[in-house]
Amino acid sequence: MLTARPELRGLEGKPLFGIFRHSRANFVGRQRTRGRRRGANMKDPVYWALLVGMSILLMEQGLPVRSQGDSQSDNRVMDNITVRQGETVFLRCAQGDVVTHTAWLNRSSILYAGEDKWSVDPRVSLVTLNQDEFTIKIESVDMADEGQYVCAVQTSSRPRTTSVHILVQVPPKIINLSKDLVVNEGSNVTLMCSASGKPEPSISWRLISASGDVASDDEYLEIPSISRQRAGTYECSAVNDIDTDVRTVDITVNYAPSVSEGRDVGVTLGQRGVLECEADAVPEADFEWYKDDRRVFGDFDGLEIVTSGSLSRLTFFNVSDGDYGNYTCVAINKLGSSNTSFLLYVVIEPTSSTLLQGPRAVQDGSGGGAVGVHAHSCLLLLVFLPFLLRF
């Protein structure tokens, strides 16, 4: 931050004009003889106090107004200087052979009086001081440096001021953001995102997805009666002419289980059979298996229940007659439950006789006997057909 000494006096209590007079020794020396001839009034400390006071007054009133017909002063306004936060700015002031004393001021603070540095800010330094220009620089510019700067010059005839306004641009920074949320389906949700920066950044929200739809162009994002489809990661973007800042919020939506429809499974006696139950739920569901009204556990011989995430498997390693029947899978979480049913039914393994009978063969009953007799008759006809053809 740029600061000034408490009074417009030197370190040894001398008036400000004395410090100006001893600065720029080589340059001022060339003007000293000429200054003596122009009268003692130019060395009057009151004159310099008036000059600095006028500069301070102009700065407190805002941008200086151009002097019209004022023979006692010449006040000029330079174009604004726009600089980004963290960069370096150079302040240049034209001099001339008739200049005897010069100073750079910021509001009510004296930065440099000639070669003498008054500011205690290490970021401020002298670059050039000669009869052509008086230039200082300010490094790592921050918002506190924004404002008006005045170069006050004493010429042989009248004081002159040149003012310039520094505008500091600041990249956006998100300073307040909602935390990650876990809510139940149907709840009303409000997300908040605010940011600082100059120019003032614009805020937008979007749900990160394949479509990347914009959800809101405001600091607040309202989601009434949130559904499971609106769960996910929300991105807040703060944008201005300088840069962009992006942060995210995760929303988890809890909902009761929804179980996929069960699929019946046929298994041959003595073979392996698997029933699969899948449930969509947040948080993940716990699974229970039942045969009729009796709960089934996976710690019996030949039976195993394995659950991984949203899928539960009931495995029969060696299906017996007692395993066939109706089964129910129940998925449960803190918001509710859902179930589905399965039928484990018997599949008869084909025999050698049924293979001969073909795919349409029926394995039992009177129809099966008739088909069998017809098949044997056909075989006998094929055997004796060559003998019959000889006659």
Protein backbone atom coordinates (compact mmCIF):
# COMPACT_ATOMS: atom_id res chain seq x y z
CA MET A 1 0.00 0.00 0.00
CA LEU A 2 1.27 3.45 -0.89
CA THR A 3 1.75 5.68 2.15
CA ALA A 4 3.05 9.19 2.85
CA ARG A 5 4.86 10.97 5.58
CA PRO A 6 2.47 12.74 7.94
CA GLU A 7 3.38 16.30 6.85
CA LEU A 8 4.67 17.87 3.69
CA ARG A 9 8.12 18.26 5.27
CA GLY A 10 11.44 16.53 4.83
CA LEU A 11 13.07 14.03 7.11
CA GLU A 12 14.94 16.89 8.87
CA GLY A 13 11.88 19.09 9.23
CA LYS A 14 12.66 21.16 6.17
CA PRO A 15 9.81 22.39 3.95
CA LEU A 16 8.93 20.26 0.92
CA PHE A 17 10.51 22.76 -1.46
CA GLY A 18 13.85 22.17 0.27
CA ILE A 19 13.73 18.47 -0.54
CA PHE A 20 12.79 19.22 -4.14
CA ARG A 21 15.66 21.71 -4.32
CA HIS A 22 18.27 19.16 -3.22
CA SER A 23 16.99 16.43 -5.56
CA ARG A 24 18.26 15.88 -9.03
CA ALA A 25 21.50 17.69 -8.17
CA ASN A 26 22.96 17.70 -11.68
CA PHE A 27 19.74 18.70 -13.40
CA VAL A 28 18.78 21.36 -10.85
CA GLY A 29 22.29 22.74 -10.84
CA ARG A 30 21.95 23.68 -14.47
CA GLN A 31 18.80 25.62 -13.62
CA ARG A 32 19.97 27.29 -10.39
CA THR A 33 21.42 30.41 -11.95
CA ARG A 34 18.38 30.88 -14.14
CA GLY A 35 16.10 30.38 -11.10
CA ARG A 36 17.88 33.10 -9.10
CA ARG A 37 17.24 35.60 -11.85
CA ARG A 38 13.51 34.82 -11.85
CA GLY A 39 13.00 36.12 -8.36
CA ALA A 40 13.01 35.05 -4.78
CA ASN A 41 9.31 34.24 -4.88
CA MET A 42 10.09 30.95 -6.68
CA LYS A 43 12.01 29.76 -3.61
CA ASP A 44 9.31 30.73 -1.17
CA PRO A 45 8.12 27.61 0.78
CA VAL A 46 4.63 29.04 0.70
CA TYR A 47 4.73 28.80 -3.07
CA TRP A 48 5.59 25.11 -2.97
CA ALA A 49 3.03 24.45 -0.26
CA LEU A 50 0.47 26.11 -2.53
CA LEU A 51 1.55 23.93 -5.44
CA VAL A 52 1.29 20.67 -3.50
CA GLY A 53 -1.94 21.76 -1.82
CA MET A 54 -3.48 22.51 -5.19
CA SER A 55 -2.48 19.07 -6.45
CA ILE A 56 -3.98 17.37 -3.40
CA LEU A 57 -7.17 19.38 -3.74
CA LEU A 58 -7.52 18.38 -7.38
CA MET A 59 -7.01 14.71 -6.53
CA GLU A 60 -9.59 14.75 -3.74
CA GLN A 61 -12.13 16.21 -6.16
CA GLY A 62 -11.60 13.45 -8.70
CA LEU A 63 -10.17 13.82 -12.18
CA PRO A 64 -8.71 17.32 -12.64
CA VAL A 65 -10.48 19.83 -14.85
CA ARG A 66 -8.43 21.43 -17.61
CA SER A 67 -7.36 24.97 -16.80
CA GLN A 68 -8.92 27.61 -19.01
CA GLY A 69 -7.24 31.01 -19.12
CA ASP A 70 -5.35 30.37 -15.88
CA SER A 71 -1.98 32.06 -16.26
CA GLN A 72 -0.77 30.76 -12.91
CA SER A 73 -1.00 26.99 -13.60
CA ASP A 74 -1.21 24.43 -16.37
CA ASN A 75 -3.15 21.26 -15.51
CA ARG A 76 -3.26 18.35 -17.97
CA VAL A 77 -5.13 15.03 -17.86
CA MET A 78 -3.66 11.94 -19.50
CA ASP A 79 -5.65 8.94 -20.66
CA ASN A 80 -6.48 6.31 -18.06
CA ILE A 81 -4.03 3.47 -17.62
CA THR A 82 -5.63 0.02 -17.35
CA VAL A 83 -3.48 -2.68 -15.78
CA ARG A 84 -4.14 -6.19 -14.56
CA GLN A 85 -3.62 -7.17 -10.95
CA GLY A 86 -0.06 -8.35 -10.40
CA GLU A 87 1.44 -6.52 -13.37
CA THR A 88 3.82 -3.51 -13.40
CA VAL A 89 2.75 0.01 -14.35
CA PHE A 90 4.99 2.89 -15.44
CA LEU A 91 4.04 6.51 -14.71
CA ARG A 92 5.75 9.00 -17.03
CA CYS A 93 5.81 12.78 -16.71
CA ALA A 94 7.31 15.10 -19.36
CA GLN A 95 9.87 17.59 -18.05
CA GLY A 96 11.71 20.27 -19.99
CA ASP A 97 14.61 22.66 -19.64
CA VAL A 98 12.55 25.14 -17.63
CA VAL A 99 11.64 22.61 -14.90
CA THR A 100 13.26 23.26 -11.55
CA HIS A 101 11.45 20.84 -9.23
CA THR A 102 9.15 17.82 -9.78
CA ALA A 103 7.25 15.23 -7.73
CA TRP A 104 4.89 12.26 -8.14
CA LEU A 105 1.90 12.07 -5.77
CA ASN A 106 -0.84 9.53 -5.14
CA ARG A 107 -3.90 11.11 -3.52
CA SER A 108 -2.40 12.73 -0.38
CA SER A 109 0.82 10.69 -0.50
CA ILE A 110 4.11 11.89 -1.95
CA LEU A 111 5.82 9.02 -3.76
CA TYR A 112 8.91 10.74 -5.11
CA ALA A 113 10.18 14.31 -4.78
CA GLY A 114 12.82 14.38 -7.46
CA GLU A 115 15.27 11.61 -6.63
CA ASP A 116 14.13 11.42 -3.01
CA LYS A 117 11.76 8.54 -2.31
CA TRP A 118 9.02 9.37 0.16
CA SER A 119 6.98 6.21 -0.19
CA VAL A 120 7.91 3.32 2.08
CA ASP A 121 6.38 0.83 -0.37
CA PRO A 122 9.20 -1.34 -1.81
CA ARG A 123 7.16 -1.88 -4.98
CA VAL A 124 7.59 1.78 -5.95
CA SER A 125 10.88 2.79 -7.56
CA LEU A 126 12.43 5.51 -9.72
CA VAL A 127 13.10 4.60 -13.36
CA THR A 128 14.13 7.79 -15.15
CA LEU A 129 14.83 11.35 -14.03
CA ASN A 130 16.29 13.79 -16.54
CA GLN A 131 15.32 16.93 -18.40
CA ASP A 132 13.06 14.91 -20.74
CA GLU A 133 11.03 12.75 -18.40
CA PHE A 134 10.37 11.76 -14.79
CA THR A 135 9.24 8.09 -14.65
CA ILE A 136 8.47 5.85 -11.69
CA LYS A 137 7.13 2.28 -11.66
CA ILE A 138 4.82 0.32 -9.36
CA GLU A 139 5.28 -3.46 -9.36
CA SER A 140 2.68 -6.13 -8.47
CA VAL A 141 -0.20 -3.69 -8.78
CA ASP A 142 -3.17 -4.40 -6.52
CA MET A 143 -6.63 -2.91 -6.01
CA ALA A 144 -5.25 -0.54 -3.34
CA ASP A 145 -3.13 1.10 -6.03
CA GLU A 146 -6.13 2.11 -8.12
CA GLY A 147 -6.83 5.81 -8.24
CA GLN A 148 -5.42 9.11 -9.43
CA TYR A 149 -1.73 10.01 -9.65
CA VAL A 150 -0.38 13.53 -10.17
CA CYS A 151 2.98 14.72 -11.43
CA ALA A 152 3.57 18.21 -9.96
CA VAL A 153 6.18 20.25 -11.79
CA GLN A 154 7.67 23.67 -10.97
CA THR A 155 8.71 25.61 -14.03
CA SER A 156 10.40 28.99 -14.31
CA SER A 157 7.09 30.78 -14.63
CA ARG A 158 4.30 28.68 -13.10
CA PRO A 159 3.47 25.28 -11.62
CA ARG A 160 2.21 22.48 -13.85
CA THR A 161 0.31 19.30 -12.96
CA THR A 162 -0.24 16.20 -15.07
CA SER A 163 -2.72 13.65 -13.76
CA VAL A 164 -3.49 10.08 -14.76
CA HIS A 165 -5.99 7.56 -13.37
CA ILE A 166 -4.93 3.94 -12.88
CA LEU A 167 -7.67 1.32 -13.33
CA VAL A 168 -6.83 -2.13 -11.93
CA GLN A 169 -8.47 -5.20 -13.48
CA VAL A 170 -8.79 -8.27 -11.25
CA PRO A 171 -9.45 -11.83 -12.49
CA PRO A 172 -12.54 -13.52 -11.06
CA LYS A 173 -12.29 -15.60 -7.93
CA ILE A 174 -15.11 -17.66 -6.47
CA ILE A 175 -15.24 -16.70 -2.80
CA ASN A 176 -18.46 -18.35 -1.60
CA LEU A 177 -19.75 -21.71 -2.81
CA SER A 178 -22.29 -24.22 -1.52
CA LYS A 179 -20.87 -27.40 -0.03
CA ASP A 180 -21.56 -30.89 -1.40
CA LEU A 181 -25.10 -32.03 -0.62
CA VAL A 182 -26.86 -35.31 0.13
CA VAL A 183 -30.65 -34.97 -0.15
CA ASN A 184 -33.69 -37.22 -0.51
CA GLU A 185 -35.53 -37.36 -3.79
CA GLY A 186 -38.28 -34.74 -3.90
CA SER A 187 -36.42 -32.18 -1.75
CA ASN A 188 -36.01 -28.54 -2.78
CA VAL A 189 -32.35 -27.61 -3.38
CA THR A 190 -30.65 -24.20 -3.64
CA LEU A 191 -27.02 -23.80 -4.69
CA MET A 192 -25.14 -20.52 -4.22
CA CYS A 193 -21.98 -19.23 -5.90
CA SER A 194 -20.52 -15.71 -5.55
CA ALA A 195 -17.28 -14.30 -6.91
CA SER A 196 -15.11 -11.20 -6.76
CA GLY A 197 -13.29 -9.52 -9.62
CA LYS A 198 -13.11 -6.40 -11.73
CA PRO A 199 -14.93 -6.02 -14.04
CA GLU A 200 -17.61 -7.76 -12.01
CA PRO A 201 -17.75 -11.40 -13.17
CA SER A 202 -20.86 -13.08 -14.53
CA ILE A 203 -21.97 -16.34 -12.84
CA SER A 204 -23.43 -19.42 -14.52
CA TRP A 205 -24.35 -22.93 -13.37
CA ARG A 206 -24.54 -26.16 -15.35
CA LEU A 207 -24.97 -29.83 -14.62
CA ILE A 208 -21.95 -31.63 -16.02
CA SER A 209 -23.36 -34.22 -18.39
CA ALA A 210 -23.13 -35.34 -21.99
CA SER A 211 -25.31 -32.43 -23.10
CA GLY A 212 -23.74 -29.84 -20.79
CA ASP A 213 -27.02 -27.95 -20.48
CA VAL A 214 -26.83 -24.57 -18.73
CA ALA A 215 -28.94 -24.73 -15.59
CA SER A 216 -28.78 -21.07 -14.48
CA ASP A 217 -27.18 -17.71 -15.26
CA ASP A 218 -27.36 -16.41 -11.70
CA GLU A 219 -25.54 -16.73 -8.39
CA TYR A 220 -28.37 -18.96 -7.14
CA LEU A 221 -29.50 -22.22 -8.70
CA GLU A 222 -32.97 -23.38 -7.62
CA ILE A 223 -33.88 -27.06 -8.09
CA PRO A 224 -37.43 -27.71 -6.88
CA SER A 225 -38.42 -31.30 -6.02
CA ILE A 226 -35.11 -32.76 -7.18
CA SER A 227 -35.19 -36.11 -8.95
CA ARG A 228 -32.56 -38.80 -9.21
CA GLN A 229 -31.88 -37.71 -12.80
CA ARG A 230 -30.69 -34.31 -11.47
CA ALA A 231 -28.05 -35.84 -9.22
CA GLY A 232 -24.43 -35.31 -10.19
CA THR A 233 -21.71 -32.66 -10.35
CA TYR A 234 -22.70 -29.03 -10.82
CA GLU A 235 -20.18 -26.53 -12.17
CA CYS A 236 -20.12 -22.84 -11.23
CA SER A 237 -18.24 -20.55 -13.62
CA ALA A 238 -17.24 -16.96 -12.86
CA VAL A 239 -16.17 -15.07 -16.00
CA ASN A 240 -14.96 -11.55 -16.74
CA ASP A 241 -12.78 -9.97 -19.43
CA ILE A 242 -9.62 -11.12 -17.68
CA ASP A 243 -10.07 -14.81 -16.87
CA THR A 244 -12.42 -17.58 -15.70
CA ASP A 245 -12.70 -19.35 -12.34
CA VAL A 246 -14.50 -22.70 -12.10
CA ARG A 247 -15.50 -24.80 -9.09
CA THR A 248 -17.88 -27.72 -8.60
CA VAL A 249 -20.51 -29.00 -6.16
CA ASP A 250 -21.66 -32.63 -5.94
CA ILE A 251 -25.32 -33.45 -5.23
CA THR A 252 -26.24 -36.97 -4.14
CA VAL A 253 -29.95 -37.83 -4.34
CA ASN A 254 -31.18 -40.68 -2.15
CA TYR A 255 -34.13 -42.78 -3.36
CA ALA A 256 -35.85 -46.09 -2.55
CA PRO A 257 -34.85 -49.29 -4.38
CA SER A 258 -36.34 -50.25 -7.71
CA VAL A 259 -35.85 -53.95 -8.56
CA SER A 260 -35.66 -55.30 -12.10
CA GLU A 261 -38.25 -57.92 -13.04
CA GLY A 262 -37.19 -61.44 -12.08
CA ARG A 263 -36.41 -64.01 -14.78
CA ASP A 264 -37.45 -67.64 -14.29
CA VAL A 265 -34.65 -70.21 -14.54
CA GLY A 266 -34.83 -73.87 -15.57
CA VAL A 267 -32.19 -76.26 -14.22
CA THR A 268 -31.60 -79.99 -14.65
CA LEU A 269 -31.55 -82.03 -11.47
CA GLY A 270 -28.01 -82.13 -10.04
CA GLN A 271 -26.77 -79.20 -12.12
CA ARG A 272 -25.79 -75.64 -11.18
CA GLY A 273 -28.46 -72.91 -11.10
CA VAL A 274 -28.22 -69.12 -10.54
CA LEU A 275 -30.92 -66.56 -9.74
CA GLU A 276 -29.89 -62.88 -10.26
CA CYS A 277 -31.56 -59.89 -8.62
CA GLU A 278 -30.62 -56.30 -9.60
CA ALA A 279 -31.78 -53.14 -7.78
CA ASP A 280 -31.30 -49.43 -8.52
CA ALA A 281 -31.05 -47.50 -5.22
CA VAL A 282 -29.17 -44.74 -3.40
CA PRO A 283 -27.76 -45.56 -0.96
CA GLU A 284 -27.08 -49.08 -2.22
CA ALA A 285 -29.68 -51.63 -1.19
CA ASP A 286 -29.31 -54.63 1.10
CA PHE A 287 -30.72 -57.87 -0.32
CA GLU A 288 -32.79 -60.66 1.27
CA TRP A 289 -33.84 -63.94 -0.40
CA TYR A 290 -36.95 -65.97 0.43
CA LYS A 291 -38.35 -69.31 -0.70
CA ASP A 292 -42.09 -69.04 -0.29
CA ASP A 293 -42.28 -67.43 3.20
CA ARG A 294 -38.98 -68.79 4.51
CA ARG A 295 -35.83 -66.70 4.34
CA VAL A 296 -32.89 -68.28 2.56
CA PHE A 297 -29.34 -67.84 3.85
CA GLY A 298 -26.15 -68.50 1.95
CA ASP A 299 -24.43 -70.55 4.65
CA PHE A 300 -26.03 -73.88 3.74
CA ASP A 301 -24.13 -76.60 1.86
CA GLY A 302 -24.57 -76.24 -1.86
CA LEU A 303 -26.04 -72.74 -1.58
CA GLU A 304 -24.36 -69.34 -1.84
CA ILE A 305 -25.55 -65.70 -1.81
CA VAL A 306 -23.09 -63.11 -3.17
CA THR A 307 -23.95 -59.38 -3.33
CA SER A 308 -21.83 -56.85 -5.21
CA GLY A 309 -23.10 -53.30 -5.53
CA SER A 310 -26.53 -53.35 -7.13
CA LEU A 311 -26.52 -57.10 -7.97
CA SER A 312 -27.23 -60.12 -5.75
CA ARG A 313 -26.82 -63.75 -6.90
CA LEU A 314 -28.38 -66.85 -5.34
CA THR A 315 -26.38 -69.88 -6.55
CA PHE A 316 -27.34 -73.57 -6.28
CA PHE A 317 -24.27 -75.74 -6.89
CA ASN A 318 -26.17 -79.07 -7.02
CA VAL A 319 -29.90 -78.59 -7.54
CA SER A 320 -32.07 -81.11 -5.68
CA ASP A 321 -35.80 -81.78 -5.80
CA GLY A 322 -36.29 -79.61 -2.72
CA ASP A 323 -34.70 -76.59 -4.40
CA TYR A 324 -37.35 -76.21 -7.09
CA GLY A 325 -40.06 -73.65 -6.40
CA ASN A 326 -40.83 -69.94 -6.06
CA TYR A 327 -38.21 -67.47 -4.77
CA THR A 328 -38.47 -63.78 -3.83
CA CYS A 329 -35.70 -61.18 -3.80
CA VAL A 330 -36.20 -58.11 -1.55
CA ALA A 331 -34.02 -54.97 -1.91
CA ILE A 332 -34.03 -52.62 1.12
CA ASN A 333 -32.52 -49.22 2.03
CA LYS A 334 -33.48 -46.52 4.51
CA LEU A 335 -36.01 -45.00 2.12
CA GLY A 336 -38.00 -48.13 1.32
CA SER A 337 -37.97 -51.58 -0.29
CA SER A 338 -38.87 -53.39 -3.49
CA ASN A 339 -39.11 -57.07 -4.48
CA THR A 340 -39.43 -59.42 -7.41
CA SER A 341 -40.17 -63.17 -7.79
CA PHE A 342 -38.44 -66.02 -9.59
CA LEU A 343 -39.39 -69.61 -10.47
CA LEU A 344 -36.71 -72.28 -10.34
CA TYR A 345 -38.17 -75.15 -12.40
CA VAL A 346 -36.98 -78.60 -13.49
CA VAL A 347 -35.57 -79.33 -16.94
CA ILE A 348 -35.44 -83.06 -17.95
CA GLU A 349 -32.11 -84.04 -19.45
CA PRO A 350 -32.47 -85.73 -22.87
CA THR A 351 -31.79 -89.54 -23.08
CA SER A 352 -30.56 -91.66 -26.02
CA SER A 353 -34.11 -92.74 -26.87
CA THR A 354 -35.42 -89.19 -26.90
CA LEU A 355 -32.54 -88.15 -29.17
CA LEU A 356 -33.67 -90.77 -31.71
CA GLN A 357 -37.21 -89.53 -31.44
CA GLY A 358 -36.18 -86.03 -32.61
CA PRO A 359 -37.03 -82.62 -31.25
CA ARG A 360 -40.79 -83.27 -31.30
CA ALA A 361 -40.57 -86.32 -29.08
CA VAL A 362 -42.70 -86.38 -25.93
CA GLN A 363 -41.02 -88.07 -23.06
CA ASP A 364 -43.97 -89.80 -21.42
CA GLY A 365 -47.65 -90.63 -21.95
CA SER A 366 -49.54 -92.78 -24.53
CA GLY A 367 -48.64 -90.48 -27.41
CA GLY A 368 -45.01 -91.18 -26.74
CA GLY A 369 -45.61 -94.98 -27.07
CA ALA A 370 -47.36 -94.60 -30.42
CA VAL A 371 -44.55 -92.49 -31.77
CA GLY A 372 -42.05 -95.09 -30.55
CA VAL A 373 -43.89 -97.98 -32.35
CA HIS A 374 -44.05 -95.93 -35.54
CA ALA A 375 -40.33 -95.26 -35.34
CA HIS A 376 -39.50 -98.99 -34.97
CA SER A 377 -41.72 -99.84 -37.95
CA CYS A 378 -39.84 -97.37 -40.10
CA LEU A 379 -36.52 -98.92 -39.10
CA LEU A 380 -37.69 -102.43 -40.01
CA LEU A 381 -38.94 -101.19 -43.38
CA LEU A 382 -35.55 -99.68 -44.14
CA VAL A 383 -33.82 -102.96 -43.29
CA PHE A 384 -36.01 -105.19 -45.50
CA LEU A 385 -36.51 -102.69 -48.37
CA PRO A 386 -33.44 -103.92 -50.38
CA PHE A 387 -34.68 -107.54 -50.26
CA LEU A 388 -38.10 -106.56 -51.48
CA LEU A 389 -36.66 -104.67 -54.42
CA ARG A 390 -34.97 -107.85 -55.76
CA PHE A 391 -38.35 -109.46 -56.52
